[in-house]
């Protein structure tokens, strides 16, 4: 399994969503996604701290943290785009 490439990238041929209409419900959902992703990042940082305290290998946990951070960036981008179009 190749781990050097992020799974959380927008596709090169993504759809043009610039003229889509969003509702408050859409924005609320996007905010929930951001909050969930933030919780995942915080929890993963706690896991890494615990592993370090035990002098355990953190490589895989750090890779997962990088993926969680990438996902968080995507969710924030989506939320900000929605908010700007409302």
PDB file of N, CA and C in Angstrom:
ATOM      1  N   UNK A   1       0.842  -1.186   0.000  1.00  0.00           N
ATOM      2  CA  UNK A   1       0.000   0.000   0.000  1.00  0.00           C
ATOM      3  C   UNK A   1       0.881   1.240   0.000  1.00  0.00           C
ATOM      4  N   UNK A   2       0.642   2.116  -0.922  1.00  0.00           N
ATOM      5  CA  UNK A   2       1.418   3.351  -1.012  1.00  0.00           C
ATOM      6  C   UNK A   2       0.884   4.358   0.001  1.00  0.00           C
ATOM      7  N   UNK A   3       1.750   4.829   0.889  1.00  0.00           N
ATOM      8  CA  UNK A   3       1.297   5.722   1.955  1.00  0.00           C
ATOM      9  C   UNK A   3       1.749   7.153   1.770  1.00  0.00           C
ATOM     10  N   UNK A   4       2.541   7.430   0.746  1.00  0.00           N
ATOM     11  CA  UNK A   4       3.073   8.776   0.588  1.00  0.00           C
ATOM     12  C   UNK A   4       2.082   9.725  -0.067  1.00  0.00           C
ATOM     13  N   UNK A   5       0.983   9.209  -0.559  1.00  0.00           N
ATOM     14  CA  UNK A   5       0.034  10.075  -1.249  1.00  0.00           C
ATOM     15  C   UNK A   5      -1.252  10.158  -0.442  1.00  0.00           C
ATOM     16  N   UNK A   6      -1.762  11.372  -0.341  1.00  0.00           N
ATOM     17  CA  UNK A   6      -2.965  11.593   0.461  1.00  0.00           C
ATOM     18  C   UNK A   6      -4.193  11.052  -0.242  1.00  0.00           C
ATOM     19  N   UNK A   7      -5.095  10.493   0.549  1.00  0.00           N
ATOM     20  CA  UNK A   7      -6.367  10.013   0.019  1.00  0.00           C
ATOM     21  C   UNK A   7      -7.379  11.146  -0.079  1.00  0.00           C
ATOM     22  N   UNK A   8      -7.061  12.303   0.481  1.00  0.00           N
ATOM     23  CA  UNK A   8      -8.019  13.402   0.604  1.00  0.00           C
ATOM     24  C   UNK A   8      -7.678  14.536  -0.342  1.00  0.00           C
ATOM     25  N   UNK A   9      -7.626  14.238  -1.594  1.00  0.00           N
ATOM     26  CA  UNK A   9      -7.383  15.265  -2.600  1.00  0.00           C
ATOM     27  C   UNK A   9      -8.630  15.432  -3.445  1.00  0.00           C
ATOM     28  N   UNK A  10      -8.850  16.656  -3.868  1.00  0.00           N
ATOM     29  CA  UNK A  10      -9.947  16.897  -4.794  1.00  0.00           C
ATOM     30  C   UNK A  10      -9.546  16.339  -6.150  1.00  0.00           C
ATOM     31  N   UNK A  11     -10.446  15.678  -6.842  1.00  0.00           N
ATOM     32  CA  UNK A  11     -10.090  15.111  -8.144  1.00  0.00           C
ATOM     33  C   UNK A  11      -9.725  16.198  -9.130  1.00  0.00           C
ATOM     34  N   UNK A  12      -8.801  15.872 -10.015  1.00  0.00           N
ATOM     35  CA  UNK A  12      -8.356  16.830 -11.035  1.00  0.00           C
ATOM     36  C   UNK A  12      -9.526  17.296 -11.905  1.00  0.00           C
ATOM     37  N   UNK A  13     -10.460  16.424 -12.170  1.00  0.00           N
ATOM     38  CA  UNK A  13     -11.591  16.742 -13.040  1.00  0.00           C
ATOM     39  C   UNK A  13     -12.858  16.972 -12.222  1.00  0.00           C
ATOM     40  N   UNK A  14     -12.701  17.632 -11.062  1.00  0.00           N
ATOM     41  CA  UNK A  14     -13.865  17.836 -10.196  1.00  0.00           C
ATOM     42  C   UNK A  14     -14.886  18.731 -10.884  1.00  0.00           C
ATOM     43  N   UNK A  15     -16.114  18.587 -10.454  1.00  0.00           N
ATOM     44  CA  UNK A  15     -17.203  19.339 -11.041  1.00  0.00           C
ATOM     45  C   UNK A  15     -17.114  20.804 -10.652  1.00  0.00           C
ATOM     46  N   UNK A  16     -17.597  21.672 -11.535  1.00  0.00           N
ATOM     47  CA  UNK A  16     -17.652  23.101 -11.233  1.00  0.00           C
ATOM     48  C   UNK A  16     -18.885  23.336 -10.366  1.00  0.00           C
ATOM     49  N   UNK A  17     -18.654  23.654  -9.108  1.00  0.00           N
ATOM     50  CA  UNK A  17     -19.748  23.875  -8.158  1.00  0.00           C
ATOM     51  C   UNK A  17     -19.942  25.356  -7.865  1.00  0.00           C
ATOM     52  N   UNK A  18     -19.345  26.223  -8.670  1.00  0.00           N
ATOM     53  CA  UNK A  18     -19.352  27.648  -8.370  1.00  0.00           C
ATOM     54  C   UNK A  18     -20.736  28.285  -8.439  1.00  0.00           C
ATOM     55  N   UNK A  19     -21.662  27.698  -9.168  1.00  0.00           N
ATOM     56  CA  UNK A  19     -22.989  28.310  -9.269  1.00  0.00           C
ATOM     57  C   UNK A  19     -24.072  27.475  -8.576  1.00  0.00           C
ATOM     58  N   UNK A  20     -23.642  26.597  -7.677  1.00  0.00           N
ATOM     59  CA  UNK A  20     -24.594  25.784  -6.938  1.00  0.00           C
ATOM     60  C   UNK A  20     -25.213  26.614  -5.817  1.00  0.00           C
ATOM     61  N   UNK A  21     -26.452  26.361  -5.498  1.00  0.00           N
ATOM     62  CA  UNK A  21     -27.131  27.078  -4.422  1.00  0.00           C
ATOM     63  C   UNK A  21     -27.103  26.214  -3.161  1.00  0.00           C
ATOM     64  N   UNK A  22     -26.673  26.819  -2.077  1.00  0.00           N
ATOM     65  CA  UNK A  22     -26.582  26.119  -0.801  1.00  0.00           C
ATOM     66  C   UNK A  22     -27.595  26.671   0.182  1.00  0.00           C
ATOM     67  N   UNK A  23     -28.029  25.817   1.084  1.00  0.00           N
ATOM     68  CA  UNK A  23     -28.982  26.219   2.112  1.00  0.00           C
ATOM     69  C   UNK A  23     -28.271  26.268   3.460  1.00  0.00           C
ATOM     70  N   UNK A  24     -28.956  26.784   4.454  1.00  0.00           N
ATOM     71  CA  UNK A  24     -28.401  26.787   5.801  1.00  0.00           C
ATOM     72  C   UNK A  24     -28.176  25.361   6.285  1.00  0.00           C
ATOM     73  N   UNK A  25     -29.036  24.446   5.866  1.00  0.00           N
ATOM     74  CA  UNK A  25     -28.859  23.039   6.240  1.00  0.00           C
ATOM     75  C   UNK A  25     -27.546  22.486   5.673  1.00  0.00           C
ATOM     76  N   UNK A  26     -27.208  22.869   4.449  1.00  0.00           N
ATOM     77  CA  UNK A  26     -25.941  22.454   3.853  1.00  0.00           C
ATOM     78  C   UNK A  26     -24.762  22.983   4.667  1.00  0.00           C
ATOM     79  N   UNK A  27     -24.844  24.255   5.039  1.00  0.00           N
ATOM     80  CA  UNK A  27     -23.774  24.864   5.816  1.00  0.00           C
ATOM     81  C   UNK A  27     -23.675  24.228   7.203  1.00  0.00           C
ATOM     82  N   UNK A  28     -24.813  23.940   7.812  1.00  0.00           N
ATOM     83  CA  UNK A  28     -24.814  23.277   9.114  1.00  0.00           C
ATOM     84  C   UNK A  28     -24.135  21.911   9.022  1.00  0.00           C
ATOM     85  N   UNK A  29     -24.432  21.168   7.959  1.00  0.00           N
ATOM     86  CA  UNK A  29     -23.812  19.865   7.764  1.00  0.00           C
ATOM     87  C   UNK A  29     -22.304  20.015   7.563  1.00  0.00           C
ATOM     88  N   UNK A  30     -21.902  21.009   6.785  1.00  0.00           N
ATOM     89  CA  UNK A  30     -20.473  21.245   6.564  1.00  0.00           C
ATOM     90  C   UNK A  30     -19.782  21.594   7.880  1.00  0.00           C
ATOM     91  N   UNK A  31     -20.441  22.383   8.709  1.00  0.00           N
ATOM     92  CA  UNK A  31     -19.865  22.722  10.013  1.00  0.00           C
ATOM     93  C   UNK A  31     -19.735  21.487  10.897  1.00  0.00           C
ATOM     94  N   UNK A  32     -20.689  20.572  10.812  1.00  0.00           N
ATOM     95  CA  UNK A  32     -20.595  19.316  11.574  1.00  0.00           C
ATOM     96  C   UNK A  32     -19.413  18.476  11.082  1.00  0.00           C
ATOM     97  N   UNK A  33     -19.224  18.463   9.772  1.00  0.00           N
ATOM     98  CA  UNK A  33     -18.096  17.715   9.214  1.00  0.00           C
ATOM     99  C   UNK A  33     -16.775  18.297   9.705  1.00  0.00           C
ATOM    100  N   UNK A  34     -16.672  19.622   9.731  1.00  0.00           N
ATOM    101  CA  UNK A  34     -15.453  20.266  10.227  1.00  0.00           C
ATOM    102  C   UNK A  34     -15.235  19.909  11.696  1.00  0.00           C
ATOM    103  N   UNK A  35     -16.285  20.007  12.500  1.00  0.00           N
ATOM    104  CA  UNK A  35     -16.171  19.708  13.930  1.00  0.00           C
ATOM    105  C   UNK A  35     -15.759  18.251  14.152  1.00  0.00           C
ATOM    106  N   UNK A  36     -16.352  17.332  13.396  1.00  0.00           N
ATOM    107  CA  UNK A  36     -15.985  15.913  13.519  1.00  0.00           C
ATOM    108  C   UNK A  36     -14.523  15.709  13.148  1.00  0.00           C
ATOM    109  N   UNK A  37     -14.094  16.330  12.065  1.00  0.00           N
ATOM    110  CA  UNK A  37     -12.705  16.187  11.620  1.00  0.00           C
ATOM    111  C   UNK A  37     -11.742  16.778  12.648  1.00  0.00           C
ATOM    112  N   UNK A  38     -12.120  17.891  13.262  1.00  0.00           N
ATOM    113  CA  UNK A  38     -11.280  18.482  14.308  1.00  0.00           C
ATOM    114  C   UNK A  38     -11.152  17.530  15.496  1.00  0.00           C
ATOM    115  N   UNK A  39     -12.242  16.878  15.863  1.00  0.00           N
ATOM    116  CA  UNK A  39     -12.196  15.911  16.957  1.00  0.00           C
ATOM    117  C   UNK A  39     -11.290  14.727  16.611  1.00  0.00           C
ATOM    118  N   UNK A  40     -11.339  14.275  15.373  1.00  0.00           N
ATOM    119  CA  UNK A  40     -10.471  13.175  14.953  1.00  0.00           C
ATOM    120  C   UNK A  40      -8.997  13.576  15.069  1.00  0.00           C
ATOM    121  N   UNK A  41      -8.678  14.800  14.649  1.00  0.00           N
ATOM    122  CA  UNK A  41      -7.292  15.279  14.736  1.00  0.00           C
ATOM    123  C   UNK A  41      -6.847  15.336  16.189  1.00  0.00           C
ATOM    124  N   UNK A  42      -7.674  15.915  17.050  1.00  0.00           N
ATOM    125  CA  UNK A  42      -7.324  16.024  18.471  1.00  0.00           C
ATOM    126  C   UNK A  42      -7.116  14.644  19.087  1.00  0.00           C
ATOM    127  N   UNK A  43      -8.018  13.731  18.808  1.00  0.00           N
ATOM    128  CA  UNK A  43      -7.904  12.377  19.371  1.00  0.00           C
ATOM    129  C   UNK A  43      -6.652  11.679  18.865  1.00  0.00           C
ATOM    130  N   UNK A  44      -6.342  11.842  17.586  1.00  0.00           N
ATOM    131  CA  UNK A  44      -5.158  11.190  17.041  1.00  0.00           C
ATOM    132  C   UNK A  44      -3.894  11.783  17.657  1.00  0.00           C
ATOM    133  N   UNK A  45      -3.885  13.089  17.916  1.00  0.00           N
ATOM    134  CA  UNK A  45      -2.745  13.706  18.586  1.00  0.00           C
ATOM    135  C   UNK A  45      -2.576  13.138  19.995  1.00  0.00           C
ATOM    136  N   UNK A  46      -3.692  12.881  20.674  1.00  0.00           N
ATOM    137  CA  UNK A  46      -3.638  12.266  22.005  1.00  0.00           C
ATOM    138  C   UNK A  46      -3.067  10.848  21.930  1.00  0.00           C
ATOM    139  N   UNK A  47      -3.473  10.114  20.913  1.00  0.00           N
ATOM    140  CA  UNK A  47      -2.970   8.749  20.731  1.00  0.00           C
ATOM    141  C   UNK A  47      -1.463   8.779  20.501  1.00  0.00           C
ATOM    142  N   UNK A  48      -1.007   9.690  19.673  1.00  0.00           N
ATOM    143  CA  UNK A  48       0.428   9.804  19.393  1.00  0.00           C
ATOM    144  C   UNK A  48       1.191  10.161  20.662  1.00  0.00           C
ATOM    145  N   UNK A  49       0.651  11.069  21.451  1.00  0.00           N
ATOM    146  CA  UNK A  49       1.305  11.431  22.723  1.00  0.00           C
ATOM    147  C   UNK A  49       1.427  10.214  23.629  1.00  0.00           C
ATOM    148  N   UNK A  50       0.354   9.429  23.709  1.00  0.00           N
ATOM    149  CA  UNK A  50       0.384   8.216  24.523  1.00  0.00           C
ATOM    150  C   UNK A  50       1.415   7.216  24.031  1.00  0.00           C
ATOM    151  N   UNK A  51       1.509   7.059  22.721  1.00  0.00           N
ATOM    152  CA  UNK A  51       2.507   6.150  22.155  1.00  0.00           C
ATOM    153  C   UNK A  51       3.918   6.624  22.466  1.00  0.00           C
ATOM    154  N   UNK A  52       4.136   7.938  22.354  1.00  0.00           N
ATOM    155  CA  UNK A  52       5.466   8.489  22.658  1.00  0.00           C
ATOM    156  C   UNK A  52       5.837   8.268  24.121  1.00  0.00           C
ATOM    157  N   UNK A  53       4.870   8.415  25.005  1.00  0.00           N
ATOM    158  CA  UNK A  53       5.136   8.201  26.433  1.00  0.00           C
ATOM    159  C   UNK A  53       5.560   6.756  26.692  1.00  0.00           C
ATOM    160  N   UNK A  54       5.095   5.843  25.863  1.00  0.00           N
ATOM    161  CA  UNK A  54       5.456   4.423  25.997  1.00  0.00           C
ATOM    162  C   UNK A  54       6.664   4.058  25.131  1.00  0.00           C
ATOM    163  N   UNK A  55       7.263   5.076  24.493  1.00  0.00           N
ATOM    164  CA  UNK A  55       8.385   4.852  23.568  1.00  0.00           C
ATOM    165  C   UNK A  55       8.013   3.875  22.450  1.00  0.00           C
ATOM    166  N   UNK A  56       6.764   3.929  22.034  1.00  0.00           N
ATOM    167  CA  UNK A  56       6.286   3.053  20.956  1.00  0.00           C
ATOM    168  C   UNK A  56       6.448   3.744  19.612  1.00  0.00           C
ATOM    169  N   UNK A  57       6.422   2.964  18.575  1.00  0.00           N
ATOM    170  CA  UNK A  57       6.518   3.491  17.210  1.00  0.00           C
ATOM    171  C   UNK A  57       5.273   4.312  16.891  1.00  0.00           C
ATOM    172  N   UNK A  58       5.477   5.514  16.387  1.00  0.00           N
ATOM    173  CA  UNK A  58       4.357   6.404  16.076  1.00  0.00           C
ATOM    174  C   UNK A  58       4.181   6.626  14.575  1.00  0.00           C
ATOM    175  N   UNK A  59       4.971   5.956  13.765  1.00  0.00           N
ATOM    176  CA  UNK A  59       4.968   6.231  12.320  1.00  0.00           C
ATOM    177  C   UNK A  59       3.578   6.086  11.708  1.00  0.00           C
ATOM    178  N   UNK A  60       2.930   4.976  11.944  1.00  0.00           N
ATOM    179  CA  UNK A  60       1.614   4.751  11.353  1.00  0.00           C
ATOM    180  C   UNK A  60       0.588   5.748  11.905  1.00  0.00           C
ATOM    181  N   UNK A  61       0.654   6.014  13.202  1.00  0.00           N
ATOM    182  CA  UNK A  61      -0.269   6.972  13.822  1.00  0.00           C
ATOM    183  C   UNK A  61      -0.055   8.372  13.249  1.00  0.00           C
ATOM    184  N   UNK A  62       1.186   8.728  12.964  1.00  0.00           N
ATOM    185  CA  UNK A  62       1.479  10.040  12.384  1.00  0.00           C
ATOM    186  C   UNK A  62       0.993  10.129  10.934  1.00  0.00           C
ATOM    187  N   UNK A  63       1.095   9.024  10.210  1.00  0.00           N
ATOM    188  CA  UNK A  63       0.552   9.002   8.848  1.00  0.00           C
ATOM    189  C   UNK A  63      -0.959   9.196   8.876  1.00  0.00           C
ATOM    190  N   UNK A  64      -1.609   8.532   9.814  1.00  0.00           N
ATOM    191  CA  UNK A  64      -3.051   8.673   9.943  1.00  0.00           C
ATOM    192  C   UNK A  64      -3.410  10.110  10.328  1.00  0.00           C
ATOM    193  N   UNK A  65      -2.631  10.709  11.220  1.00  0.00           N
ATOM    194  CA  UNK A  65      -2.852  12.104  11.589  1.00  0.00           C
ATOM    195  C   UNK A  65      -2.741  13.015  10.360  1.00  0.00           C
ATOM    196  N   UNK A  66      -1.785  12.755   9.502  1.00  0.00           N
ATOM    197  CA  UNK A  66      -1.643  13.554   8.280  1.00  0.00           C
ATOM    198  C   UNK A  66      -2.889  13.422   7.400  1.00  0.00           C
ATOM    199  N   UNK A  67      -3.435  12.222   7.319  1.00  0.00           N
ATOM    200  CA  UNK A  67      -4.667  12.024   6.543  1.00  0.00           C
ATOM    201  C   UNK A  67      -5.838  12.757   7.188  1.00  0.00           C
ATOM    202  N   UNK A  68      -5.937  12.690   8.511  1.00  0.00           N
ATOM    203  CA  UNK A  68      -7.007  13.408   9.207  1.00  0.00           C
ATOM    204  C   UNK A  68      -6.885  14.912   8.977  1.00  0.00           C
ATOM    205  N   UNK A  69      -5.658  15.437   9.001  1.00  0.00           N
ATOM    206  CA  UNK A  69      -5.459  16.864   8.743  1.00  0.00           C
ATOM    207  C   UNK A  69      -5.822  17.231   7.309  1.00  0.00           C
ATOM    208  N   UNK A  70      -5.499  16.350   6.371  1.00  0.00           N
ATOM    209  CA  UNK A  70      -5.865  16.602   4.974  1.00  0.00           C
ATOM    210  C   UNK A  70      -7.380  16.614   4.813  1.00  0.00           C
ATOM    211  N   UNK A  71      -8.054  15.675   5.478  1.00  0.00           N
ATOM    212  CA  UNK A  71      -9.517  15.631   5.433  1.00  0.00           C
ATOM    213  C   UNK A  71     -10.106  16.894   6.043  1.00  0.00           C
ATOM    214  N   UNK A  72      -9.536  17.343   7.145  1.00  0.00           N
ATOM    215  CA  UNK A  72     -10.002  18.568   7.789  1.00  0.00           C
ATOM    216  C   UNK A  72      -9.863  19.759   6.843  1.00  0.00           C
ATOM    217  N   UNK A  73      -8.741  19.845   6.128  1.00  0.00           N
ATOM    218  CA  UNK A  73      -8.564  20.947   5.162  1.00  0.00           C
ATOM    219  C   UNK A  73      -9.633  20.907   4.078  1.00  0.00           C
ATOM    220  N   UNK A  74      -9.960  19.719   3.588  1.00  0.00           N
ATOM    221  CA  UNK A  74     -10.996  19.591   2.553  1.00  0.00           C
ATOM    222  C   UNK A  74     -12.347  20.036   3.101  1.00  0.00           C
ATOM    223  N   UNK A  75     -12.682  19.594   4.315  1.00  0.00           N
ATOM    224  CA  UNK A  75     -13.971  19.986   4.915  1.00  0.00           C
ATOM    225  C   UNK A  75     -14.041  21.495   5.135  1.00  0.00           C
ATOM    226  N   UNK A  76     -12.949  22.089   5.601  1.00  0.00           N
ATOM    227  CA  UNK A  76     -12.934  23.545   5.792  1.00  0.00           C
ATOM    228  C   UNK A  76     -13.086  24.276   4.470  1.00  0.00           C
ATOM    229  N   UNK A  77     -12.402  23.778   3.451  1.00  0.00           N
ATOM    230  CA  UNK A  77     -12.509  24.388   2.122  1.00  0.00           C
ATOM    231  C   UNK A  77     -13.959  24.331   1.622  1.00  0.00           C
ATOM    232  N   UNK A  78     -14.580  23.168   1.744  1.00  0.00           N
ATOM    233  CA  UNK A  78     -15.970  23.013   1.309  1.00  0.00           C
ATOM    234  C   UNK A  78     -16.898  23.946   2.079  1.00  0.00           C
ATOM    235  N   UNK A  79     -16.715  23.992   3.407  1.00  0.00           N
ATOM    236  CA  UNK A  79     -17.558  24.851   4.237  1.00  0.00           C
ATOM    237  C   UNK A  79     -17.386  26.324   3.856  1.00  0.00           C
ATOM    238  N   UNK A  80     -16.151  26.749   3.665  1.00  0.00           N
ATOM    239  CA  UNK A  80     -15.894  28.146   3.317  1.00  0.00           C
ATOM    240  C   UNK A  80     -16.454  28.494   1.955  1.00  0.00           C
ATOM    241  N   UNK A  81     -16.378  27.549   1.013  1.00  0.00           N
ATOM    242  CA  UNK A  81     -16.938  27.772  -0.319  1.00  0.00           C
ATOM    243  C   UNK A  81     -18.450  27.912  -0.232  1.00  0.00           C
ATOM    244  N   UNK A  82     -19.076  27.057   0.553  1.00  0.00           N
ATOM    245  CA  UNK A  82     -20.529  27.149   0.739  1.00  0.00           C
ATOM    246  C   UNK A  82     -20.917  28.467   1.350  1.00  0.00           C
ATOM    247  N   UNK A  83     -20.218  28.850   2.400  1.00  0.00           N
ATOM    248  CA  UNK A  83     -20.542  30.094   3.099  1.00  0.00           C
ATOM    249  C   UNK A  83     -20.394  31.304   2.171  1.00  0.00           C
ATOM    250  N   UNK A  84     -19.388  31.282   1.335  1.00  0.00           N
ATOM    251  CA  UNK A  84     -19.161  32.397   0.412  1.00  0.00           C
ATOM    252  C   UNK A  84     -20.242  32.495  -0.659  1.00  0.00           C
ATOM    253  N   UNK A  85     -20.897  31.386  -0.966  1.00  0.00           N
ATOM    254  CA  UNK A  85     -21.913  31.375  -2.023  1.00  0.00           C
ATOM    255  C   UNK A  85     -23.314  31.567  -1.498  1.00  0.00           C
ATOM    256  N   UNK A  86     -23.450  31.706  -0.199  1.00  0.00           N
ATOM    257  CA  UNK A  86     -24.793  31.890   0.360  1.00  0.00           C
ATOM    258  C   UNK A  86     -25.151  33.369   0.399  1.00  0.00           C
TER     259      UNK A  86
END
